[in-house]
Amino acid sequence: MSGRVTGIGGIFFRTTDPAALADWYATHLGVTSFGPWRQDEGISVFAPFEAGTDYWPSDRQWMLNLRVEGLDALIQQLAQAGIPAETRPDEWDTPETGRFARITDPEGNDIELWEPPAP
């Protein structure tokens, strides 16, 4: 089995008023937050975070989350290419949300790799 990205798992960004911004996106664009946003190829999560979140580096406004299939195989492929992946199973992974890993692009942007739980 080989790992591959299968879509966008979520878009997370800082804001001073998450509830108001989430409401604006839902009202004007039909994008719901803090819950599954069903797409043809699977779910994505749209979730504004508090401005002071420490979930990703404070000097970055956004973090890309990519939904993947075969996370372990993808991590191995990335390692073979010299791209380290950080995992924190006890902190990030849950049966309800799935498994996660992080890599960093050449510009220093964190990319979260997300393997959702099996249906």
PDB file of N, CA and C in Angstrom:
ATOM      1  N   MET A   1       0.842  -1.177   0.000  1.00  0.00           N
ATOM      2  CA  MET A   1       0.000   0.000   0.000  1.00  0.00           C
ATOM      3  C   MET A   1       0.890   1.244   0.000  1.00  0.00           C
ATOM      4  N   SER A   2       0.546   2.227  -0.798  1.00  0.00           N
ATOM      5  CA  SER A   2       1.313   3.465  -0.780  1.00  0.00           C
ATOM      6  C   SER A   2       0.444   4.589  -0.232  1.00  0.00           C
ATOM      7  N   GLY A   3       1.091   5.573   0.372  1.00  0.00           N
ATOM      8  CA  GLY A   3       0.373   6.717   0.909  1.00  0.00           C
ATOM      9  C   GLY A   3       0.124   7.745  -0.166  1.00  0.00           C
ATOM     10  N   ARG A   4      -0.971   8.474  -0.032  1.00  0.00           N
ATOM     11  CA  ARG A   4      -1.273   9.532  -0.981  1.00  0.00           C
ATOM     12  C   ARG A   4      -2.224  10.531  -0.352  1.00  0.00           C
ATOM     13  N   VAL A   5      -2.169  11.757  -0.807  1.00  0.00           N
ATOM     14  CA  VAL A   5      -3.112  12.776  -0.382  1.00  0.00           C
ATOM     15  C   VAL A   5      -4.394  12.564  -1.165  1.00  0.00           C
ATOM     16  N   THR A   6      -5.536  12.595  -0.477  1.00  0.00           N
ATOM     17  CA  THR A   6      -6.813  12.379  -1.146  1.00  0.00           C
ATOM     18  C   THR A   6      -7.704  13.612  -1.160  1.00  0.00           C
ATOM     19  N   GLY A   7      -7.243  14.688  -0.549  1.00  0.00           N
ATOM     20  CA  GLY A   7      -8.043  15.912  -0.556  1.00  0.00           C
ATOM     21  C   GLY A   7      -7.625  16.821   0.578  1.00  0.00           C
ATOM     22  N   ILE A   8      -8.315  17.921   0.693  1.00  0.00           N
ATOM     23  CA  ILE A   8      -8.058  18.864   1.782  1.00  0.00           C
ATOM     24  C   ILE A   8      -8.805  18.374   3.003  1.00  0.00           C
ATOM     25  N   GLY A   9      -8.090  18.178   4.082  1.00  0.00           N
ATOM     26  CA  GLY A   9      -8.702  17.721   5.322  1.00  0.00           C
ATOM     27  C   GLY A   9      -9.280  18.853   6.140  1.00  0.00           C
ATOM     28  N   GLY A  10      -8.773  20.061   5.977  1.00  0.00           N
ATOM     29  CA  GLY A  10      -9.296  21.208   6.705  1.00  0.00           C
ATOM     30  C   GLY A  10      -8.466  22.441   6.456  1.00  0.00           C
ATOM     31  N   ILE A  11      -9.054  23.587   6.719  1.00  0.00           N
ATOM     32  CA  ILE A  11      -8.361  24.872   6.647  1.00  0.00           C
ATOM     33  C   ILE A  11      -8.547  25.526   8.005  1.00  0.00           C
ATOM     34  N   PHE A  12      -7.445  25.831   8.682  1.00  0.00           N
ATOM     35  CA  PHE A  12      -7.493  26.386  10.026  1.00  0.00           C
ATOM     36  C   PHE A  12      -6.770  27.727  10.030  1.00  0.00           C
ATOM     37  N   PHE A  13      -7.360  28.737  10.634  1.00  0.00           N
ATOM     38  CA  PHE A  13      -6.733  30.050  10.648  1.00  0.00           C
ATOM     39  C   PHE A  13      -7.126  30.815  11.899  1.00  0.00           C
ATOM     40  N   ARG A  14      -6.291  31.782  12.230  1.00  0.00           N
ATOM     41  CA  ARG A  14      -6.515  32.596  13.422  1.00  0.00           C
ATOM     42  C   ARG A  14      -7.470  33.743  13.107  1.00  0.00           C
ATOM     43  N   THR A  15      -8.238  34.104  14.100  1.00  0.00           N
ATOM     44  CA  THR A  15      -9.132  35.240  13.993  1.00  0.00           C
ATOM     45  C   THR A  15      -9.437  35.736  15.397  1.00  0.00           C
ATOM     46  N   THR A  16      -9.791  36.999  15.528  1.00  0.00           N
ATOM     47  CA  THR A  16     -10.098  37.540  16.847  1.00  0.00           C
ATOM     48  C   THR A  16     -11.517  37.195  17.291  1.00  0.00           C
ATOM     49  N   ASP A  17     -12.395  36.823  16.358  1.00  0.00           N
ATOM     50  CA  ASP A  17     -13.762  36.463  16.708  1.00  0.00           C
ATOM     51  C   ASP A  17     -14.202  35.255  15.891  1.00  0.00           C
ATOM     52  N   PRO A  18     -13.794  34.047  16.307  1.00  0.00           N
ATOM     53  CA  PRO A  18     -14.097  32.851  15.536  1.00  0.00           C
ATOM     54  C   PRO A  18     -15.584  32.641  15.249  1.00  0.00           C
ATOM     55  N   ALA A  19     -16.436  32.881  16.248  1.00  0.00           N
ATOM     56  CA  ALA A  19     -17.866  32.630  16.053  1.00  0.00           C
ATOM     57  C   ALA A  19     -18.452  33.548  14.982  1.00  0.00           C
ATOM     58  N   ALA A  20     -18.082  34.816  15.027  1.00  0.00           N
ATOM     59  CA  ALA A  20     -18.617  35.763  14.042  1.00  0.00           C
ATOM     60  C   ALA A  20     -18.121  35.441  12.637  1.00  0.00           C
ATOM     61  N   LEU A  21     -16.856  35.111  12.520  1.00  0.00           N
ATOM     62  CA  LEU A  21     -16.324  34.800  11.199  1.00  0.00           C
ATOM     63  C   LEU A  21     -16.910  33.491  10.669  1.00  0.00           C
ATOM     64  N   ALA A  22     -17.059  32.503  11.544  1.00  0.00           N
ATOM     65  CA  ALA A  22     -17.680  31.244  11.132  1.00  0.00           C
ATOM     66  C   ALA A  22     -19.105  31.492  10.646  1.00  0.00           C
ATOM     67  N   ASP A  23     -19.834  32.355  11.355  1.00  0.00           N
ATOM     68  CA  ASP A  23     -21.203  32.684  10.954  1.00  0.00           C
ATOM     69  C   ASP A  23     -21.227  33.380   9.589  1.00  0.00           C
ATOM     70  N   TRP A  24     -20.277  34.282   9.353  1.00  0.00           N
ATOM     71  CA  TRP A  24     -20.213  34.975   8.064  1.00  0.00           C
ATOM     72  C   TRP A  24     -20.003  33.979   6.921  1.00  0.00           C
ATOM     73  N   TYR A  25     -19.055  33.051   7.088  1.00  0.00           N
ATOM     74  CA  TYR A  25     -18.801  32.052   6.048  1.00  0.00           C
ATOM     75  C   TYR A  25     -20.025  31.165   5.825  1.00  0.00           C
ATOM     76  N   ALA A  26     -20.693  30.780   6.904  1.00  0.00           N
ATOM     77  CA  ALA A  26     -21.889  29.933   6.776  1.00  0.00           C
ATOM     78  C   ALA A  26     -23.015  30.695   6.086  1.00  0.00           C
ATOM     79  N   THR A  27     -23.196  31.936   6.483  1.00  0.00           N
ATOM     80  CA  THR A  27     -24.281  32.742   5.928  1.00  0.00           C
ATOM     81  C   THR A  27     -24.061  33.093   4.463  1.00  0.00           C
ATOM     82  N   HIS A  28     -22.861  33.530   4.135  1.00  0.00           N
ATOM     83  CA  HIS A  28     -22.605  34.059   2.795  1.00  0.00           C
ATOM     84  C   HIS A  28     -22.069  33.049   1.793  1.00  0.00           C
ATOM     85  N   LEU A  29     -21.440  31.993   2.276  1.00  0.00           N
ATOM     86  CA  LEU A  29     -20.822  31.029   1.364  1.00  0.00           C
ATOM     87  C   LEU A  29     -21.312  29.605   1.558  1.00  0.00           C
ATOM     88  N   GLY A  30     -22.083  29.377   2.603  1.00  0.00           N
ATOM     89  CA  GLY A  30     -22.580  28.030   2.854  1.00  0.00           C
ATOM     90  C   GLY A  30     -21.540  27.075   3.411  1.00  0.00           C
ATOM     91  N   VAL A  31     -20.414  27.603   3.897  1.00  0.00           N
ATOM     92  CA  VAL A  31     -19.354  26.782   4.479  1.00  0.00           C
ATOM     93  C   VAL A  31     -19.597  26.727   5.982  1.00  0.00           C
ATOM     94  N   THR A  32     -19.810  25.529   6.500  1.00  0.00           N
ATOM     95  CA  THR A  32     -20.064  25.386   7.928  1.00  0.00           C
ATOM     96  C   THR A  32     -18.758  25.088   8.656  1.00  0.00           C
ATOM     97  N   SER A  33     -18.689  25.497   9.907  1.00  0.00           N
ATOM     98  CA  SER A  33     -17.467  25.285  10.678  1.00  0.00           C
ATOM     99  C   SER A  33     -17.730  24.366  11.854  1.00  0.00           C
ATOM    100  N   PHE A  34     -16.645  23.843  12.428  1.00  0.00           N
ATOM    101  CA  PHE A  34     -16.675  22.959  13.590  1.00  0.00           C
ATOM    102  C   PHE A  34     -17.580  21.755  13.391  1.00  0.00           C
ATOM    103  N   GLY A  35     -17.592  21.256  12.205  1.00  0.00           N
ATOM    104  CA  GLY A  35     -18.348  20.048  11.898  1.00  0.00           C
ATOM    105  C   GLY A  35     -18.009  19.620  10.488  1.00  0.00           C
ATOM    106  N   PRO A  36     -18.364  18.418  10.134  1.00  0.00           N
ATOM    107  CA  PRO A  36     -18.058  17.954   8.777  1.00  0.00           C
ATOM    108  C   PRO A  36     -18.759  18.790   7.715  1.00  0.00           C
ATOM    109  N   TRP A  37     -18.050  19.116   6.688  1.00  0.00           N
ATOM    110  CA  TRP A  37     -18.576  19.802   5.514  1.00  0.00           C
ATOM    111  C   TRP A  37     -18.494  18.768   4.403  1.00  0.00           C
ATOM    112  N   ARG A  38     -19.584  18.104   4.125  1.00  0.00           N
ATOM    113  CA  ARG A  38     -19.598  16.961   3.222  1.00  0.00           C
ATOM    114  C   ARG A  38     -19.325  17.399   1.787  1.00  0.00           C
ATOM    115  N   GLN A  39     -18.352  16.721   1.198  1.00  0.00           N
ATOM    116  CA  GLN A  39     -17.979  16.942  -0.194  1.00  0.00           C
ATOM    117  C   GLN A  39     -18.069  15.611  -0.927  1.00  0.00           C
ATOM    118  N   ASP A  40     -17.958  15.634  -2.215  1.00  0.00           N
ATOM    119  CA  ASP A  40     -18.051  14.405  -2.989  1.00  0.00           C
ATOM    120  C   ASP A  40     -17.011  13.380  -2.583  1.00  0.00           C
ATOM    121  N   GLU A  41     -15.819  13.818  -2.229  1.00  0.00           N
ATOM    122  CA  GLU A  41     -14.725  12.893  -1.949  1.00  0.00           C
ATOM    123  C   GLU A  41     -14.467  12.689  -0.470  1.00  0.00           C
ATOM    124  N   GLY A  42     -15.312  13.182   0.397  1.00  0.00           N
ATOM    125  CA  GLY A  42     -15.109  12.997   1.830  1.00  0.00           C
ATOM    126  C   GLY A  42     -15.317  14.294   2.579  1.00  0.00           C
ATOM    127  N   ILE A  43     -15.087  14.251   3.892  1.00  0.00           N
ATOM    128  CA  ILE A  43     -15.329  15.448   4.701  1.00  0.00           C
ATOM    129  C   ILE A  43     -14.087  16.323   4.771  1.00  0.00           C
ATOM    130  N   SER A  44     -14.318  17.602   4.952  1.00  0.00           N
ATOM    131  CA  SER A  44     -13.285  18.572   5.295  1.00  0.00           C
ATOM    132  C   SER A  44     -13.804  19.354   6.487  1.00  0.00           C
ATOM    133  N   VAL A  45     -12.913  19.853   7.312  1.00  0.00           N
ATOM    134  CA  VAL A  45     -13.306  20.624   8.486  1.00  0.00           C
ATOM    135  C   VAL A  45     -12.918  22.074   8.247  1.00  0.00           C
ATOM    136  N   PHE A  46     -13.857  22.972   8.433  1.00  0.00           N
ATOM    137  CA  PHE A  46     -13.607  24.408   8.335  1.00  0.00           C
ATOM    138  C   PHE A  46     -13.745  24.955   9.744  1.00  0.00           C
ATOM    139  N   ALA A  47     -12.639  25.418  10.352  1.00  0.00           N
ATOM    140  CA  ALA A  47     -12.669  25.784  11.754  1.00  0.00           C
ATOM    141  C   ALA A  47     -11.777  26.984  12.063  1.00  0.00           C
ATOM    142  N   PRO A  48     -12.364  28.180  12.192  1.00  0.00           N
ATOM    143  CA  PRO A  48     -11.571  29.303  12.693  1.00  0.00           C
ATOM    144  C   PRO A  48     -11.110  28.998  14.122  1.00  0.00           C
ATOM    145  N   PHE A  49      -9.850  29.317  14.416  1.00  0.00           N
ATOM    146  CA  PHE A  49      -9.281  29.111  15.746  1.00  0.00           C
ATOM    147  C   PHE A  49      -9.118  30.471  16.423  1.00  0.00           C
ATOM    148  N   GLU A  50      -9.039  30.473  17.733  1.00  0.00           N
ATOM    149  CA  GLU A  50      -8.746  31.694  18.483  1.00  0.00           C
ATOM    150  C   GLU A  50      -7.412  32.274  18.020  1.00  0.00           C
ATOM    151  N   ALA A  51      -7.289  33.597  18.042  1.00  0.00           N
ATOM    152  CA  ALA A  51      -6.074  34.268  17.572  1.00  0.00           C
ATOM    153  C   ALA A  51      -4.827  33.792  18.323  1.00  0.00           C
ATOM    154  N   GLY A  52      -4.952  33.434  19.584  1.00  0.00           N
ATOM    155  CA  GLY A  52      -3.796  33.035  20.378  1.00  0.00           C
ATOM    156  C   GLY A  52      -3.511  31.539  20.381  1.00  0.00           C
ATOM    157  N   THR A  53      -4.104  30.786  19.482  1.00  0.00           N
ATOM    158  CA  THR A  53      -3.901  29.342  19.488  1.00  0.00           C
ATOM    159  C   THR A  53      -2.424  28.980  19.373  1.00  0.00           C
ATOM    160  N   ASP A  54      -2.058  27.873  20.005  1.00  0.00           N
ATOM    161  CA  ASP A  54      -0.691  27.376  19.863  1.00  0.00           C
ATOM    162  C   ASP A  54      -0.676  26.070  19.060  1.00  0.00           C
ATOM    163  N   TYR A  55      -1.762  25.813  18.334  1.00  0.00           N
ATOM    164  CA  TYR A  55      -1.854  24.583  17.540  1.00  0.00           C
ATOM    165  C   TYR A  55      -0.876  24.569  16.378  1.00  0.00           C
ATOM    166  N   TRP A  56      -0.461  25.745  15.893  1.00  0.00           N
ATOM    167  CA  TRP A  56       0.595  25.886  14.894  1.00  0.00           C
ATOM    168  C   TRP A  56       1.350  27.170  15.207  1.00  0.00           C
ATOM    169  N   PRO A  57       2.511  27.418  14.583  1.00  0.00           N
ATOM    170  CA  PRO A  57       3.350  28.568  14.941  1.00  0.00           C
ATOM    171  C   PRO A  57       2.613  29.909  14.867  1.00  0.00           C
ATOM    172  N   SER A  58       2.873  30.745  15.849  1.00  0.00           N
ATOM    173  CA  SER A  58       2.160  32.025  15.962  1.00  0.00           C
ATOM    174  C   SER A  58       2.513  33.023  14.865  1.00  0.00           C
ATOM    175  N   ASP A  59       3.605  32.786  14.143  1.00  0.00           N
ATOM    176  CA  ASP A  59       3.948  33.717  13.061  1.00  0.00           C
ATOM    177  C   ASP A  59       3.259  33.349  11.747  1.00  0.00           C
ATOM    178  N   ARG A  60       2.404  32.351  11.765  1.00  0.00           N
ATOM    179  CA  ARG A  60       1.671  31.910  10.576  1.00  0.00           C
ATOM    180  C   ARG A  60       0.177  32.085  10.806  1.00  0.00           C
ATOM    181  N   GLN A  61      -0.520  32.628   9.837  1.00  0.00           N
ATOM    182  CA  GLN A  61      -1.958  32.851   9.956  1.00  0.00           C
ATOM    183  C   GLN A  61      -2.763  31.583   9.647  1.00  0.00           C
ATOM    184  N   TRP A  62      -2.257  30.744   8.772  1.00  0.00           N
ATOM    185  CA  TRP A  62      -2.973  29.563   8.299  1.00  0.00           C
ATOM    186  C   TRP A  62      -2.130  28.308   8.491  1.00  0.00           C
ATOM    187  N   MET A  63      -2.792  27.174   8.524  1.00  0.00           N
ATOM    188  CA  MET A  63      -2.114  25.893   8.447  1.00  0.00           C
ATOM    189  C   MET A  63      -2.932  25.012   7.514  1.00  0.00           C
ATOM    190  N   LEU A  64      -2.288  24.425   6.546  1.00  0.00           N
ATOM    191  CA  LEU A  64      -2.948  23.532   5.614  1.00  0.00           C
ATOM    192  C   LEU A  64      -3.049  22.142   6.214  1.00  0.00           C
ATOM    193  N   ASN A  65      -4.210  21.539   6.128  1.00  0.00           N
ATOM    194  CA  ASN A  65      -4.452  20.178   6.592  1.00  0.00           C
ATOM    195  C   ASN A  65      -4.876  19.370   5.376  1.00  0.00           C
ATOM    196  N   LEU A  66      -4.145  18.327   5.066  1.00  0.00           N
ATOM    197  CA  LEU A  66      -4.458  17.491   3.919  1.00  0.00           C
ATOM    198  C   LEU A  66      -4.954  16.127   4.373  1.00  0.00           C
ATOM    199  N   ARG A  67      -6.093  15.726   3.848  1.00  0.00           N
ATOM    200  CA  ARG A  67      -6.649  14.406   4.151  1.00  0.00           C
ATOM    201  C   ARG A  67      -5.862  13.374   3.359  1.00  0.00           C
ATOM    202  N   VAL A  68      -5.434  12.312   4.025  1.00  0.00           N
ATOM    203  CA  VAL A  68      -4.598  11.308   3.370  1.00  0.00           C
ATOM    204  C   VAL A  68      -5.150   9.909   3.595  1.00  0.00           C
ATOM    205  N   GLU A  69      -4.679   9.020   2.791  1.00  0.00           N
ATOM    206  CA  GLU A  69      -4.970   7.593   2.912  1.00  0.00           C
ATOM    207  C   GLU A  69      -3.621   6.898   3.020  1.00  0.00           C
ATOM    208  N   GLY A  70      -3.470   5.979   3.977  1.00  0.00           N
ATOM    209  CA  GLY A  70      -2.186   5.291   4.156  1.00  0.00           C
ATOM    210  C   GLY A  70      -1.138   6.201   4.772  1.00  0.00           C
ATOM    211  N   LEU A  71      -1.437   6.772   5.927  1.00  0.00           N
ATOM    212  CA  LEU A  71      -0.537   7.726   6.574  1.00  0.00           C
ATOM    213  C   LEU A  71       0.843   7.138   6.836  1.00  0.00           C
ATOM    214  N   ASP A  72       0.911   5.919   7.342  1.00  0.00           N
ATOM    215  CA  ASP A  72       2.215   5.326   7.639  1.00  0.00           C
ATOM    216  C   ASP A  72       3.072   5.195   6.386  1.00  0.00           C
ATOM    217  N   ALA A  73       2.466   4.750   5.302  1.00  0.00           N
ATOM    218  CA  ALA A  73       3.203   4.606   4.044  1.00  0.00           C
ATOM    219  C   ALA A  73       3.652   5.970   3.521  1.00  0.00           C
ATOM    220  N   LEU A  74       2.807   6.978   3.651  1.00  0.00           N
ATOM    221  CA  LEU A  74       3.169   8.321   3.200  1.00  0.00           C
ATOM    222  C   LEU A  74       4.326   8.869   4.032  1.00  0.00           C
ATOM    223  N   ILE A  75       4.290   8.655   5.341  1.00  0.00           N
ATOM    224  CA  ILE A  75       5.382   9.104   6.207  1.00  0.00           C
ATOM    225  C   ILE A  75       6.697   8.448   5.785  1.00  0.00           C
ATOM    226  N   GLN A  76       6.642   7.169   5.454  1.00  0.00           N
ATOM    227  CA  GLN A  76       7.848   6.467   4.995  1.00  0.00           C
ATOM    228  C   GLN A  76       8.346   7.057   3.679  1.00  0.00           C
ATOM    229  N   GLN A  77       7.449   7.327   2.754  1.00  0.00           N
ATOM    230  CA  GLN A  77       7.835   7.932   1.469  1.00  0.00           C
ATOM    231  C   GLN A  77       8.487   9.295   1.690  1.00  0.00           C
ATOM    232  N   LEU A  78       7.897  10.092   2.573  1.00  0.00           N
ATOM    233  CA  LEU A  78       8.446  11.415   2.862  1.00  0.00           C
ATOM    234  C   LEU A  78       9.828  11.291   3.487  1.00  0.00           C
ATOM    235  N   ALA A  79       9.992  10.361   4.412  1.00  0.00           N
ATOM    236  CA  ALA A  79      11.296  10.153   5.052  1.00  0.00           C
ATOM    237  C   ALA A  79      12.352   9.778   4.024  1.00  0.00           C
ATOM    238  N   GLN A  80      11.984   8.940   3.070  1.00  0.00           N
ATOM    239  CA  GLN A  80      12.924   8.546   2.025  1.00  0.00           C
ATOM    240  C   GLN A  80      13.335   9.743   1.162  1.00  0.00           C
ATOM    241  N   ALA A  81      12.484  10.748   1.101  1.00  0.00           N
ATOM    242  CA  ALA A  81      12.793  11.964   0.346  1.00  0.00           C
ATOM    243  C   ALA A  81      13.468  13.014   1.218  1.00  0.00           C
ATOM    244  N   GLY A  82      13.781  12.662   2.481  1.00  0.00           N
ATOM    245  CA  GLY A  82      14.443  13.602   3.371  1.00  0.00           C
ATOM    246  C   GLY A  82      13.508  14.581   4.044  1.00  0.00           C
ATOM    247  N   ILE A  83      12.228  14.270   4.060  1.00  0.00           N
ATOM    248  CA  ILE A  83      11.231  15.145   4.685  1.00  0.00           C
ATOM    249  C   ILE A  83      10.749  14.478   5.962  1.00  0.00           C
ATOM    250  N   PRO A  84      11.181  14.990   7.107  1.00  0.00           N
ATOM    251  CA  PRO A  84      10.757  14.370   8.369  1.00  0.00           C
ATOM    252  C   PRO A  84       9.298  14.698   8.677  1.00  0.00           C
ATOM    253  N   ALA A  85       8.629  13.755   9.304  1.00  0.00           N
ATOM    254  CA  ALA A  85       7.253  13.955   9.751  1.00  0.00           C
ATOM    255  C   ALA A  85       7.207  13.816  11.265  1.00  0.00           C
ATOM    256  N   GLU A  86       6.529  14.735  11.899  1.00  0.00           N
ATOM    257  CA  GLU A  86       6.348  14.675  13.351  1.00  0.00           C
ATOM    258  C   GLU A  86       5.009  14.016  13.637  1.00  0.00           C
ATOM    259  N   THR A  87       4.998  13.089  14.574  1.00  0.00           N
ATOM    260  CA  THR A  87       3.759  12.487  15.042  1.00  0.00           C
ATOM    261  C   THR A  87       3.727  12.594  16.563  1.00  0.00           C
ATOM    262  N   ARG A  88       2.534  12.703  17.097  1.00  0.00           N
ATOM    263  CA  ARG A  88       2.319  12.711  18.551  1.00  0.00           C
ATOM    264  C   ARG A  88       1.061  11.896  18.833  1.00  0.00           C
ATOM    265  N   PRO A  89       1.161  10.583  18.696  1.00  0.00           N
ATOM    266  CA  PRO A  89      -0.039   9.746  18.822  1.00  0.00           C
ATOM    267  C   PRO A  89      -0.833   9.975  20.109  1.00  0.00           C
ATOM    268  N   ASP A  90      -0.143  10.127  21.227  1.00  0.00           N
ATOM    269  CA  ASP A  90      -0.849  10.306  22.502  1.00  0.00           C
ATOM    270  C   ASP A  90      -1.536  11.666  22.615  1.00  0.00           C
ATOM    271  N   GLU A  91      -1.046  12.642  21.864  1.00  0.00           N
ATOM    272  CA  GLU A  91      -1.590  13.999  21.946  1.00  0.00           C
ATOM    273  C   GLU A  91      -2.564  14.303  20.809  1.00  0.00           C
ATOM    274  N   TRP A  92      -2.242  13.888  19.584  1.00  0.00           N
ATOM    275  CA  TRP A  92      -3.023  14.279  18.406  1.00  0.00           C
ATOM    276  C   TRP A  92      -4.049  13.253  17.960  1.00  0.00           C
ATOM    277  N   ASP A  93      -3.766  11.972  18.115  1.00  0.00           N
ATOM    278  CA  ASP A  93      -4.607  10.924  17.536  1.00  0.00           C
ATOM    279  C   ASP A  93      -5.714  10.496  18.497  1.00  0.00           C
ATOM    280  N   THR A  94      -6.916  10.318  17.942  1.00  0.00           N
ATOM    281  CA  THR A  94      -8.032   9.769  18.723  1.00  0.00           C
ATOM    282  C   THR A  94      -8.866   8.889  17.804  1.00  0.00           C
ATOM    283  N   PRO A  95      -9.566   7.920  18.367  1.00  0.00           N
ATOM    284  CA  PRO A  95     -10.431   7.086  17.530  1.00  0.00           C
ATOM    285  C   PRO A  95     -11.523   7.900  16.835  1.00  0.00           C
ATOM    286  N   GLU A  96     -11.951   9.000  17.457  1.00  0.00           N
ATOM    287  CA  GLU A  96     -13.024   9.821  16.882  1.00  0.00           C
ATOM    288  C   GLU A  96     -12.552  10.695  15.723  1.00  0.00           C
ATOM    289  N   THR A  97     -11.317  11.196  15.806  1.00  0.00           N
ATOM    290  CA  THR A  97     -10.841  12.123  14.777  1.00  0.00           C
ATOM    291  C   THR A  97      -9.842  11.514  13.813  1.00  0.00           C
ATOM    292  N   GLY A  98      -9.168  10.462  14.198  1.00  0.00           N
ATOM    293  CA  GLY A  98      -8.200   9.830  13.308  1.00  0.00           C
ATOM    294  C   GLY A  98      -6.770  10.068  13.754  1.00  0.00           C
ATOM    295  N   ARG A  99      -5.873   9.982  12.782  1.00  0.00           N
ATOM    296  CA  ARG A  99      -4.430  10.083  13.054  1.00  0.00           C
ATOM    297  C   ARG A  99      -3.838  11.273  12.318  1.00  0.00           C
ATOM    298  N   PHE A 100      -2.772  11.837  12.897  1.00  0.00           N
ATOM    299  CA  PHE A 100      -2.179  13.051  12.352  1.00  0.00           C
ATOM    300  C   PHE A 100      -0.657  12.972  12.311  1.00  0.00           C
ATOM    301  N   ALA A 101      -0.087  13.697  11.389  1.00  0.00           N
ATOM    302  CA  ALA A 101       1.358  13.905  11.306  1.00  0.00           C
ATOM    303  C   ALA A 101       1.563  15.312  10.773  1.00  0.00           C
ATOM    304  N   ARG A 102       2.734  15.863  11.016  1.00  0.00           N
ATOM    305  CA  ARG A 102       3.055  17.205  10.512  1.00  0.00           C
ATOM    306  C   ARG A 102       4.357  17.167   9.750  1.00  0.00           C
ATOM    307  N   ILE A 103       4.361  17.901   8.655  1.00  0.00           N
ATOM    308  CA  ILE A 103       5.576  18.149   7.893  1.00  0.00           C
ATOM    309  C   ILE A 103       5.677  19.647   7.683  1.00  0.00           C
ATOM    310  N   THR A 104       6.813  20.105   7.217  1.00  0.00           N
ATOM    311  CA  THR A 104       7.015  21.527   6.947  1.00  0.00           C
ATOM    312  C   THR A 104       7.454  21.686   5.505  1.00  0.00           C
ATOM    313  N   ASP A 105       6.838  22.645   4.801  1.00  0.00           N
ATOM    314  CA  ASP A 105       7.221  22.877   3.412  1.00  0.00           C
ATOM    315  C   ASP A 105       8.512  23.693   3.343  1.00  0.00           C
ATOM    316  N   PRO A 106       9.075  23.884   2.158  1.00  0.00           N
ATOM    317  CA  PRO A 106      10.338  24.627   2.051  1.00  0.00           C
ATOM    318  C   PRO A 106      10.259  26.079   2.526  1.00  0.00           C
ATOM    319  N   GLU A 107       9.070  26.635   2.614  1.00  0.00           N
ATOM    320  CA  GLU A 107       8.894  28.004   3.107  1.00  0.00           C
ATOM    321  C   GLU A 107       8.713  28.069   4.621  1.00  0.00           C
ATOM    322  N   GLY A 108       8.717  26.909   5.262  1.00  0.00           N
ATOM    323  CA  GLY A 108       8.541  26.879   6.715  1.00  0.00           C
ATOM    324  C   GLY A 108       7.098  26.762   7.162  1.00  0.00           C
ATOM    325  N   ASN A 109       6.173  26.509   6.232  1.00  0.00           N
ATOM    326  CA  ASN A 109       4.764  26.365   6.585  1.00  0.00           C
ATOM    327  C   ASN A 109       4.466  24.943   7.040  1.00  0.00           C
ATOM    328  N   ASP A 110       3.784  24.817   8.181  1.00  0.00           N
ATOM    329  CA  ASP A 110       3.370  23.503   8.658  1.00  0.00           C
ATOM    330  C   ASP A 110       2.257  22.968   7.779  1.00  0.00           C
ATOM    331  N   ILE A 111       2.329  21.682   7.498  1.00  0.00           N
ATOM    332  CA  ILE A 111       1.267  20.978   6.788  1.00  0.00           C
ATOM    333  C   ILE A 111       0.868  19.813   7.659  1.00  0.00           C
ATOM    334  N   GLU A 112      -0.392  19.757   8.009  1.00  0.00           N
ATOM    335  CA  GLU A 112      -0.893  18.663   8.814  1.00  0.00           C
ATOM    336  C   GLU A 112      -1.455  17.597   7.876  1.00  0.00           C
ATOM    337  N   LEU A 113      -1.028  16.371   8.078  1.00  0.00           N
ATOM    338  CA  LEU A 113      -1.523  15.228   7.317  1.00  0.00           C
ATOM    339  C   LEU A 113      -2.516  14.508   8.218  1.00  0.00           C
ATOM    340  N   TRP A 114      -3.705  14.266   7.701  1.00  0.00           N
ATOM    341  CA  TRP A 114      -4.792  13.716   8.503  1.00  0.00           C
ATOM    342  C   TRP A 114      -5.362  12.460   7.845  1.00  0.00           C
ATOM    343  N   GLU A 115      -5.294  11.374   8.564  1.00  0.00           N
ATOM    344  CA  GLU A 115      -5.954  10.149   8.110  1.00  0.00           C
ATOM    345  C   GLU A 115      -7.207   9.965   8.972  1.00  0.00           C
ATOM    346  N   PRO A 116      -8.389  10.258   8.407  1.00  0.00           N
ATOM    347  CA  PRO A 116      -9.614  10.121   9.185  1.00  0.00           C
ATOM    348  C   PRO A 116      -9.824   8.672   9.632  1.00  0.00           C
ATOM    349  N   PRO A 117     -10.639   8.468  10.669  1.00  0.00           N
ATOM    350  CA  PRO A 117     -10.920   7.102  11.096  1.00  0.00           C
ATOM    351  C   PRO A 117     -11.697   6.361  10.013  1.00  0.00           C
ATOM    352  N   ALA A 118     -11.558   5.051  10.008  1.00  0.00           N
ATOM    353  CA  ALA A 118     -12.306   4.239   9.043  1.00  0.00           C
ATOM    354  C   ALA A 118     -13.802   4.421   9.297  1.00  0.00           C
ATOM    355  N   PRO A 119     -14.573   4.467   8.214  1.00  0.00           N
ATOM    356  CA  PRO A 119     -16.035   4.649   8.389  1.00  0.00           C
ATOM    357  C   PRO A 119     -16.691   3.488   9.106  1.00  0.00           C
TER     358      PRO A 119
END
